Amino acid sequence: MILQSITDYVKQAGRIEEKKLLKHFHLSCEGLAPMMAVLLKRGKIQKTVNQRGDKLPPEIFYSWSEIAQIPTLTVV
């Protein structure tokens, strides 16, 4: 049930920051990570990590793709 809700939310947004997912679904990082791992394996959602240097934490984004792809993690 929650996996479908997360999928629908990411699909509607197209691309969304992890912070917004955590806030919307009232989850911690530890709670969201295993669910996103399942969705990433399905290939419709991709993860992008934006490294912002040594002093700032990385920004994590999830994006939707209509075509199933090999699961990828992009680090920028």
Protein backbone atom coordinates (compact mmCIF):
# COMPACT_ATOMS: atom_id res chain seq x y z
CA MET A 1 0.00 0.00 0.00
CA ILE A 2 2.64 2.55 0.98
CA LEU A 3 4.88 1.48 -1.92
CA GLN A 4 2.07 2.30 -4.33
CA SER A 5 1.49 5.66 -2.62
CA ILE A 6 5.19 6.52 -2.88
CA THR A 7 5.24 5.41 -6.53
CA ASP A 8 2.21 7.57 -7.33
CA TYR A 9 3.71 10.56 -5.53
CA VAL A 10 7.02 10.33 -7.41
CA LYS A 11 5.20 9.71 -10.70
CA GLN A 12 3.04 12.78 -10.21
CA ALA A 13 6.01 14.97 -9.30
CA GLY A 14 8.32 13.61 -12.02
CA ARG A 15 11.35 14.42 -9.87
CA ILE A 16 11.27 14.98 -6.15
CA GLU A 17 13.77 15.60 -3.38
CA GLU A 18 14.05 12.95 -0.68
CA LYS A 19 13.33 15.57 2.02
CA LYS A 20 9.87 16.14 0.56
CA LEU A 21 9.13 12.41 0.50
CA LEU A 22 10.18 12.09 4.14
CA LYS A 23 7.99 15.00 5.16
CA HIS A 24 4.96 13.97 3.08
CA PHE A 25 4.92 10.36 4.30
CA HIS A 26 6.11 11.16 7.87
CA LEU A 27 9.06 8.76 7.60
CA SER A 28 12.66 8.73 8.77
CA CYS A 29 15.56 8.05 6.39
CA GLU A 30 15.86 4.59 7.90
CA GLY A 31 12.19 3.90 7.17
CA LEU A 32 12.23 5.20 3.61
CA ALA A 33 15.47 3.55 2.45
CA PRO A 34 14.24 -0.09 2.28
CA MET A 35 11.05 0.92 0.49
CA MET A 36 12.96 2.96 -2.07
CA ALA A 37 15.36 0.03 -2.57
CA VAL A 38 12.39 -2.11 -3.63
CA LEU A 39 11.11 0.58 -5.98
CA LEU A 40 14.56 1.20 -7.47
CA LYS A 41 14.91 -2.51 -8.27
CA ARG A 42 11.67 -2.36 -10.26
CA GLY A 43 13.38 0.11 -12.60
CA LYS A 44 10.73 2.82 -12.87
CA ILE A 45 12.30 5.10 -10.27
CA GLN A 46 15.88 6.38 -10.45
CA LYS A 47 17.99 7.91 -7.67
CA THR A 48 20.30 10.88 -8.10
CA VAL A 49 22.73 12.03 -5.40
CA ASN A 50 24.05 15.58 -5.69
CA GLN A 51 27.32 15.85 -3.74
CA ARG A 52 27.61 19.44 -2.53
CA GLY A 53 31.12 19.46 -1.13
CA ASP A 54 32.60 18.56 2.23
CA LYS A 55 30.55 20.83 4.45
CA LEU A 56 27.04 20.31 3.07
CA PRO A 57 25.07 17.07 3.13
CA PRO A 58 24.25 15.54 -0.27
CA GLU A 59 20.89 16.22 -1.90
CA ILE A 60 19.02 13.08 -2.93
CA PHE A 61 16.41 13.12 -5.67
CA TYR A 62 14.10 10.42 -7.04
CA SER A 63 12.70 10.61 -10.55
CA TRP A 64 10.08 8.68 -12.51
CA SER A 65 10.58 7.00 -15.89
CA GLU A 66 7.73 5.55 -17.96
CA ILE A 67 10.10 2.97 -19.43
CA ALA A 68 11.51 0.43 -16.99
CA GLN A 69 15.29 0.73 -16.85
CA ILE A 70 18.16 -1.11 -15.26
CA PRO A 71 18.34 0.25 -11.69
CA THR A 72 20.83 3.11 -11.55
CA LEU A 73 22.28 5.49 -9.01
CA THR A 74 23.65 8.75 -10.39
CA VAL A 75 26.14 10.70 -8.28
CA VAL A 76 26.72 14.28 -9.37
